[in-house]
Amino acid sequence: MARDRKTDDLDDGFLDDIEAALAEDAEITEAEAEADEAAALRAEAADLKDRLLRALAETENLRKRAERDRRDAELYGATRFARDLLPVYDSFTRALDSATDAARAAAPGLIEGIELTRRALLAAFEKHKILPIDPAAGDRFDPNLHQAMFEAPAPGTKAGDIIQVMGQGFTIGERLLRPAQVGVSSGGPAAPKPNGDG
């Protein structure tokens, strides 16, 4: 019986050791599980933060794009209407340019009315950022603002100089509405060739 007692004591000690080891393993496993869960939560939080920042950036970009589109619509929305009004302005200008001194003396009120109407139209254009392009003879030809209607040699000019203005151009905001129609110099006449007779 003494032997059984020792075996029982040994078995109890062995069982205690196994239970302690299992408990320790359970604690380690639980700690690892908690660490894994914490790491997973940190990764999820980082992912959510990244998605939130991306969503905020996208929202800000959409806001800026909508604001730019609104400004463009406000400024350039009347482009087609403005193009339709340019011939009216041209007609007023041609009427004033063709009025002779006799016509001005005979109907000064009519001429003044045409001039006032043309000025009112220009003021309305300016209010909507529709501005005239007024090139003059001697200015350099700019293909972004001018349309060359012809090219001819002209004494005293360089190639690319404007020699005649045939039609006024207009811009709307930063964009070209209608180019100014101009004649462009191809340069002065060629110098006479020296005679080889010596």
C-alpha atoms as a PDB file:
ATOM      1  CA  MET A   1       0.000   0.000   0.000  1.00  0.00           C
ATOM      2  CA  ALA A   2       2.834   2.295   0.628  1.00  0.00           C
ATOM      3  CA  ARG A   3       3.803   1.797  -2.894  1.00  0.00           C
ATOM      4  CA  ASP A   4       0.360   2.771  -4.094  1.00  0.00           C
ATOM      5  CA  ARG A   5       0.501   5.923  -2.010  1.00  0.00           C
ATOM      6  CA  LYS A   6       3.789   6.924  -3.643  1.00  0.00           C
ATOM      7  CA  THR A   7       2.343   6.188  -7.059  1.00  0.00           C
ATOM      8  CA  ASP A   8      -0.732   8.198  -6.163  1.00  0.00           C
ATOM      9  CA  ASP A   9       1.488  11.059  -4.955  1.00  0.00           C
ATOM     10  CA  LEU A  10       3.557  10.757  -8.102  1.00  0.00           C
ATOM     11  CA  ASP A  11       0.457  10.590 -10.245  1.00  0.00           C
ATOM     12  CA  ASP A  12      -1.013  13.608  -8.438  1.00  0.00           C
ATOM     13  CA  GLY A  13       2.215  15.588  -8.941  1.00  0.00           C
ATOM     14  CA  PHE A  14       2.422  14.523 -12.549  1.00  0.00           C
ATOM     15  CA  LEU A  15      -1.189  15.432 -13.122  1.00  0.00           C
ATOM     16  CA  ASP A  16      -0.652  18.772 -11.424  1.00  0.00           C
ATOM     17  CA  ASP A  17       2.311  19.435 -13.717  1.00  0.00           C
ATOM     18  CA  ILE A  18       0.286  18.499 -16.784  1.00  0.00           C
ATOM     19  CA  GLU A  19      -2.622  20.673 -15.654  1.00  0.00           C
ATOM     20  CA  ALA A  20      -0.234  23.569 -14.998  1.00  0.00           C
ATOM     21  CA  ALA A  21       1.369  23.085 -18.434  1.00  0.00           C
ATOM     22  CA  LEU A  22      -2.048  22.933 -20.087  1.00  0.00           C
ATOM     23  CA  ALA A  23      -3.146  26.030 -18.205  1.00  0.00           C
ATOM     24  CA  GLU A  24       0.042  27.801 -19.256  1.00  0.00           C
ATOM     25  CA  ASP A  25      -0.477  26.702 -22.865  1.00  0.00           C
ATOM     26  CA  ALA A  26      -4.065  27.920 -22.683  1.00  0.00           C
ATOM     27  CA  GLU A  27      -2.890  31.292 -21.356  1.00  0.00           C
ATOM     28  CA  ILE A  28      -0.277  31.531 -24.118  1.00  0.00           C
ATOM     29  CA  THR A  29      -2.846  30.517 -26.724  1.00  0.00           C
ATOM     30  CA  GLU A  30      -5.326  33.043 -25.289  1.00  0.00           C
ATOM     31  CA  ALA A  31      -2.646  35.775 -25.267  1.00  0.00           C
ATOM     32  CA  GLU A  32      -1.706  34.907 -28.857  1.00  0.00           C
ATOM     33  CA  ALA A  33      -5.358  34.979 -29.842  1.00  0.00           C
ATOM     34  CA  GLU A  34      -5.762  38.381 -28.172  1.00  0.00           C
ATOM     35  CA  ALA A  35      -2.603  39.643 -29.924  1.00  0.00           C
ATOM     36  CA  ASP A  36      -3.850  38.295 -33.258  1.00  0.00           C
ATOM     37  CA  GLU A  37      -7.238  39.905 -32.668  1.00  0.00           C
ATOM     38  CA  ALA A  38      -5.593  43.205 -31.727  1.00  0.00           C
ATOM     39  CA  ALA A  39      -3.410  43.048 -34.868  1.00  0.00           C
ATOM     40  CA  ALA A  40      -6.483  42.287 -36.977  1.00  0.00           C
ATOM     41  CA  LEU A  41      -8.354  45.216 -35.396  1.00  0.00           C
ATOM     42  CA  ARG A  42      -5.377  47.538 -36.006  1.00  0.00           C
ATOM     43  CA  ALA A  43      -5.216  46.388 -39.658  1.00  0.00           C
ATOM     44  CA  GLU A  44      -8.963  46.896 -40.050  1.00  0.00           C
ATOM     45  CA  ALA A  45      -8.720  50.354 -38.449  1.00  0.00           C
ATOM     46  CA  ALA A  46      -5.834  51.263 -40.783  1.00  0.00           C
ATOM     47  CA  ASP A  47      -7.845  50.005 -43.777  1.00  0.00           C
ATOM     48  CA  LEU A  48     -10.914  51.981 -42.678  1.00  0.00           C
ATOM     49  CA  LYS A  49      -8.795  55.100 -42.127  1.00  0.00           C
ATOM     50  CA  ASP A  50      -7.276  54.720 -45.600  1.00  0.00           C
ATOM     51  CA  ARG A  51     -10.721  54.265 -47.160  1.00  0.00           C
ATOM     52  CA  LEU A  52     -12.033  57.274 -45.257  1.00  0.00           C
ATOM     53  CA  LEU A  53      -9.135  59.460 -46.413  1.00  0.00           C
ATOM     54  CA  ARG A  54      -9.627  58.314 -49.993  1.00  0.00           C
ATOM     55  CA  ALA A  55     -13.359  59.022 -49.776  1.00  0.00           C
ATOM     56  CA  LEU A  56     -12.673  62.488 -48.349  1.00  0.00           C
ATOM     57  CA  ALA A  57     -10.142  63.209 -51.117  1.00  0.00           C
ATOM     58  CA  GLU A  58     -12.569  62.021 -53.766  1.00  0.00           C
ATOM     59  CA  THR A  59     -15.330  64.162 -52.281  1.00  0.00           C
ATOM     60  CA  GLU A  60     -13.032  67.201 -52.278  1.00  0.00           C
ATOM     61  CA  ASN A  61     -12.064  66.535 -55.912  1.00  0.00           C
ATOM     62  CA  LEU A  62     -15.748  66.230 -56.854  1.00  0.00           C
ATOM     63  CA  ARG A  63     -16.491  69.499 -55.067  1.00  0.00           C
ATOM     64  CA  LYS A  64     -13.671  71.284 -56.904  1.00  0.00           C
ATOM     65  CA  ARG A  65     -14.726  69.801 -60.247  1.00  0.00           C
ATOM     66  CA  ALA A  66     -18.348  70.814 -59.664  1.00  0.00           C
ATOM     67  CA  GLU A  67     -17.244  74.348 -58.747  1.00  0.00           C
ATOM     68  CA  ARG A  68     -15.073  74.566 -61.898  1.00  0.00           C
ATOM     69  CA  ASP A  69     -17.931  73.209 -64.030  1.00  0.00           C
ATOM     70  CA  ARG A  70     -20.314  75.733 -62.487  1.00  0.00           C
ATOM     71  CA  ARG A  71     -17.909  78.606 -63.222  1.00  0.00           C
ATOM     72  CA  ASP A  72     -17.368  77.362 -66.787  1.00  0.00           C
ATOM     73  CA  ALA A  73     -21.110  77.016 -67.344  1.00  0.00           C
ATOM     74  CA  GLU A  74     -21.656  80.508 -65.992  1.00  0.00           C
ATOM     75  CA  LEU A  75     -18.905  82.009 -68.150  1.00  0.00           C
ATOM     76  CA  TYR A  76     -19.086  79.901 -71.300  1.00  0.00           C
ATOM     77  CA  GLY A  77     -22.752  78.880 -71.255  1.00  0.00           C
ATOM     78  CA  ALA A  78     -23.674  81.855 -73.419  1.00  0.00           C
ATOM     79  CA  THR A  79     -21.061  81.095 -76.097  1.00  0.00           C
ATOM     80  CA  ARG A  80     -23.542  80.020 -78.768  1.00  0.00           C
ATOM     81  CA  PHE A  81     -25.852  82.929 -77.992  1.00  0.00           C
ATOM     82  CA  ALA A  82     -22.917  85.341 -78.109  1.00  0.00           C
ATOM     83  CA  ARG A  83     -21.842  83.957 -81.515  1.00  0.00           C
ATOM     84  CA  ASP A  84     -25.381  84.578 -82.731  1.00  0.00           C
ATOM     85  CA  LEU A  85     -25.195  88.216 -81.555  1.00  0.00           C
ATOM     86  CA  LEU A  86     -21.850  89.004 -83.211  1.00  0.00           C
ATOM     87  CA  PRO A  87     -23.455  89.546 -86.667  1.00  0.00           C
ATOM     88  CA  VAL A  88     -25.808  92.074 -85.059  1.00  0.00           C
ATOM     89  CA  TYR A  89     -22.780  93.973 -83.722  1.00  0.00           C
ATOM     90  CA  ASP A  90     -21.150  93.717 -87.169  1.00  0.00           C
ATOM     91  CA  SER A  91     -24.293  95.138 -88.810  1.00  0.00           C
ATOM     92  CA  PHE A  92     -24.312  98.136 -86.474  1.00  0.00           C
ATOM     93  CA  THR A  93     -20.617  98.725 -87.169  1.00  0.00           C
ATOM     94  CA  ARG A  94     -21.081  98.478 -90.962  1.00  0.00           C
ATOM     95  CA  ALA A  95     -24.065 100.852 -90.767  1.00  0.00           C
ATOM     96  CA  LEU A  96     -21.989 103.428 -88.902  1.00  0.00           C
ATOM     97  CA  ASP A  97     -18.975 102.974 -91.187  1.00  0.00           C
ATOM     98  CA  SER A  98     -21.086 103.369 -94.332  1.00  0.00           C
ATOM     99  CA  ALA A  99     -22.948 106.475 -93.131  1.00  0.00           C
ATOM    100  CA  THR A 100     -21.869 109.417 -95.261  1.00  0.00           C
ATOM    101  CA  ASP A 101     -21.592 112.975 -93.995  1.00  0.00           C
ATOM    102  CA  ALA A 102     -24.809 113.790 -95.869  1.00  0.00           C
ATOM    103  CA  ALA A 103     -26.631 110.886 -94.133  1.00  0.00           C
ATOM    104  CA  ARG A 104     -25.249 111.996 -90.768  1.00  0.00           C
ATOM    105  CA  ALA A 105     -26.480 115.557 -91.398  1.00  0.00           C
ATOM    106  CA  ALA A 106     -29.875 114.397 -92.671  1.00  0.00           C
ATOM    107  CA  ALA A 107     -30.616 111.934 -89.834  1.00  0.00           C
ATOM    108  CA  PRO A 108     -28.385 112.671 -86.828  1.00  0.00           C
ATOM    109  CA  GLY A 109     -30.863 111.016 -84.418  1.00  0.00           C
ATOM    110  CA  LEU A 110     -30.827 107.782 -86.386  1.00  0.00           C
ATOM    111  CA  ILE A 111     -27.018 107.669 -86.483  1.00  0.00           C
ATOM    112  CA  GLU A 112     -26.842 108.467 -82.759  1.00  0.00           C
ATOM    113  CA  GLY A 113     -29.399 105.727 -82.024  1.00  0.00           C
ATOM    114  CA  ILE A 114     -27.364 103.168 -83.959  1.00  0.00           C
ATOM    115  CA  GLU A 115     -24.190 104.238 -82.126  1.00  0.00           C
ATOM    116  CA  LEU A 116     -25.901 104.072 -78.716  1.00  0.00           C
ATOM    117  CA  THR A 117     -27.349 100.639 -79.500  1.00  0.00           C
ATOM    118  CA  ARG A 118     -23.939  99.358 -80.588  1.00  0.00           C
ATOM    119  CA  ARG A 119     -22.370 100.729 -77.371  1.00  0.00           C
ATOM    120  CA  ALA A 120     -25.108  99.086 -75.266  1.00  0.00           C
ATOM    121  CA  LEU A 121     -24.444  95.778 -77.024  1.00  0.00           C
ATOM    122  CA  LEU A 122     -20.701  96.137 -76.323  1.00  0.00           C
ATOM    123  CA  ALA A 123     -21.455  96.933 -72.662  1.00  0.00           C
ATOM    124  CA  ALA A 124     -23.623  93.808 -72.404  1.00  0.00           C
ATOM    125  CA  PHE A 125     -20.813  91.798 -74.011  1.00  0.00           C
ATOM    126  CA  GLU A 126     -18.297  93.192 -71.542  1.00  0.00           C
ATOM    127  CA  LYS A 127     -20.587  92.377 -68.609  1.00  0.00           C
ATOM    128  CA  HIS A 128     -20.454  88.732 -69.710  1.00  0.00           C
ATOM    129  CA  LYS A 129     -16.674  88.829 -70.314  1.00  0.00           C
ATOM    130  CA  ILE A 130     -17.014  88.986 -74.100  1.00  0.00           C
ATOM    131  CA  LEU A 131     -14.215  91.311 -75.140  1.00  0.00           C
ATOM    132  CA  PRO A 132     -13.183  92.587 -78.576  1.00  0.00           C
ATOM    133  CA  ILE A 133      -9.868  91.754 -80.221  1.00  0.00           C
ATOM    134  CA  ASP A 134      -8.665  94.945 -81.853  1.00  0.00           C
ATOM    135  CA  PRO A 135      -5.545  94.295 -83.942  1.00  0.00           C
ATOM    136  CA  ALA A 136      -4.014  97.199 -85.853  1.00  0.00           C
ATOM    137  CA  ALA A 137      -1.859  97.405 -88.943  1.00  0.00           C
ATOM    138  CA  GLY A 138       1.745  96.731 -87.941  1.00  0.00           C
ATOM    139  CA  ASP A 139       0.863  94.307 -85.108  1.00  0.00           C
ATOM    140  CA  ARG A 140       2.270  90.784 -85.284  1.00  0.00           C
ATOM    141  CA  PHE A 141      -0.032  88.053 -86.555  1.00  0.00           C
ATOM    142  CA  ASP A 142      -1.091  85.714 -83.718  1.00  0.00           C
ATOM    143  CA  PRO A 143      -2.727  82.511 -84.968  1.00  0.00           C
ATOM    144  CA  ASN A 144      -4.414  82.122 -81.558  1.00  0.00           C
ATOM    145  CA  LEU A 145      -6.346  85.374 -82.042  1.00  0.00           C
ATOM    146  CA  HIS A 146      -6.273  86.165 -85.762  1.00  0.00           C
ATOM    147  CA  GLN A 147      -7.397  84.491 -88.956  1.00  0.00           C
ATOM    148  CA  ALA A 148      -5.288  85.309 -92.023  1.00  0.00           C
ATOM    149  CA  MET A 149      -7.617  86.107 -94.925  1.00  0.00           C
ATOM    150  CA  PHE A 150      -4.775  86.788 -97.367  1.00  0.00           C
ATOM    151  CA  GLU A 151      -1.019  87.170 -97.512  1.00  0.00           C
ATOM    152  CA  ALA A 152       0.678  89.777 -99.678  1.00  0.00           C
ATOM    153  CA  PRO A 153       4.036  91.527 -99.934  1.00  0.00           C
ATOM    154  CA  ALA A 154       3.997  95.024 -98.453  1.00  0.00           C
ATOM    155  CA  PRO A 155       6.848  97.534 -98.505  1.00  0.00           C
ATOM    156  CA  GLY A 156       8.269  98.476 -95.119  1.00  0.00           C
ATOM    157  CA  THR A 157       6.866  95.413 -93.331  1.00  0.00           C
ATOM    158  CA  LYS A 158       8.242  92.142 -92.054  1.00  0.00           C
ATOM    159  CA  ALA A 159       6.735  88.781 -92.821  1.00  0.00           C
ATOM    160  CA  GLY A 160       3.955  88.102 -90.304  1.00  0.00           C
ATOM    161  CA  ASP A 161       2.969  91.750 -89.773  1.00  0.00           C
ATOM    162  CA  ILE A 162      -0.728  92.619 -90.033  1.00  0.00           C
ATOM    163  CA  ILE A 163      -1.281  94.941 -92.984  1.00  0.00           C
ATOM    164  CA  GLN A 164      -5.085  95.155 -92.963  1.00  0.00           C
ATOM    165  CA  VAL A 165      -7.889  94.454 -90.484  1.00  0.00           C
ATOM    166  CA  MET A 166     -11.035  93.164 -92.180  1.00  0.00           C
ATOM    167  CA  GLY A 167     -13.122  91.981 -89.233  1.00  0.00           C
ATOM    168  CA  GLN A 168     -13.097  92.384 -85.472  1.00  0.00           C
ATOM    169  CA  GLY A 169     -12.609  89.321 -83.272  1.00  0.00           C
ATOM    170  CA  PHE A 170     -13.902  88.522 -79.801  1.00  0.00           C
ATOM    171  CA  THR A 171     -12.927  86.410 -76.823  1.00  0.00           C
ATOM    172  CA  ILE A 172     -15.191  85.045 -74.113  1.00  0.00           C
ATOM    173  CA  GLY A 173     -13.308  84.632 -70.862  1.00  0.00           C
ATOM    174  CA  GLU A 174     -10.060  82.859 -71.747  1.00  0.00           C
ATOM    175  CA  ARG A 175     -11.439  81.337 -74.961  1.00  0.00           C
ATOM    176  CA  LEU A 176     -11.583  82.603 -78.516  1.00  0.00           C
ATOM    177  CA  LEU A 177     -15.127  83.330 -79.623  1.00  0.00           C
ATOM    178  CA  ARG A 178     -14.270  84.585 -83.110  1.00  0.00           C
ATOM    179  CA  PRO A 179     -10.825  85.365 -84.535  1.00  0.00           C
ATOM    180  CA  ALA A 180     -10.094  88.802 -85.971  1.00  0.00           C
ATOM    181  CA  GLN A 181      -9.878  88.631 -89.749  1.00  0.00           C
ATOM    182  CA  VAL A 182      -6.653  90.169 -91.015  1.00  0.00           C
ATOM    183  CA  GLY A 183      -4.392  90.450 -94.038  1.00  0.00           C
ATOM    184  CA  VAL A 184      -0.791  89.469 -93.362  1.00  0.00           C
ATOM    185  CA  SER A 185       2.440  90.657 -94.957  1.00  0.00           C
ATOM    186  CA  SER A 186       4.686  88.143 -96.628  1.00  0.00           C
ATOM    187  CA  GLY A 187       7.512  90.680 -96.307  1.00  0.00           C
ATOM    188  CA  GLY A 188       8.670  93.698 -98.272  1.00  0.00           C
ATOM    189  CA  PRO A 189       9.398  93.510-101.963  1.00  0.00           C
ATOM    190  CA  ALA A 190      12.522  91.592-102.856  1.00  0.00           C
ATOM    191  CA  ALA A 191      15.676  93.672-103.317  1.00  0.00           C
ATOM    192  CA  PRO A 192      16.667  94.049-106.969  1.00  0.00           C
ATOM    193  CA  LYS A 193      19.279  91.520-108.001  1.00  0.00           C
ATOM    194  CA  PRO A 194      22.598  93.015-108.956  1.00  0.00           C
ATOM    195  CA  ASN A 195      23.246  92.898-112.618  1.00  0.00           C
ATOM    196  CA  GLY A 196      26.015  90.479-113.463  1.00  0.00           C
ATOM    197  CA  ASP A 197      27.320  92.741-116.281  1.00  0.00           C
ATOM    198  CA  GLY A 198      29.902  94.234-114.011  1.00  0.00           C
END
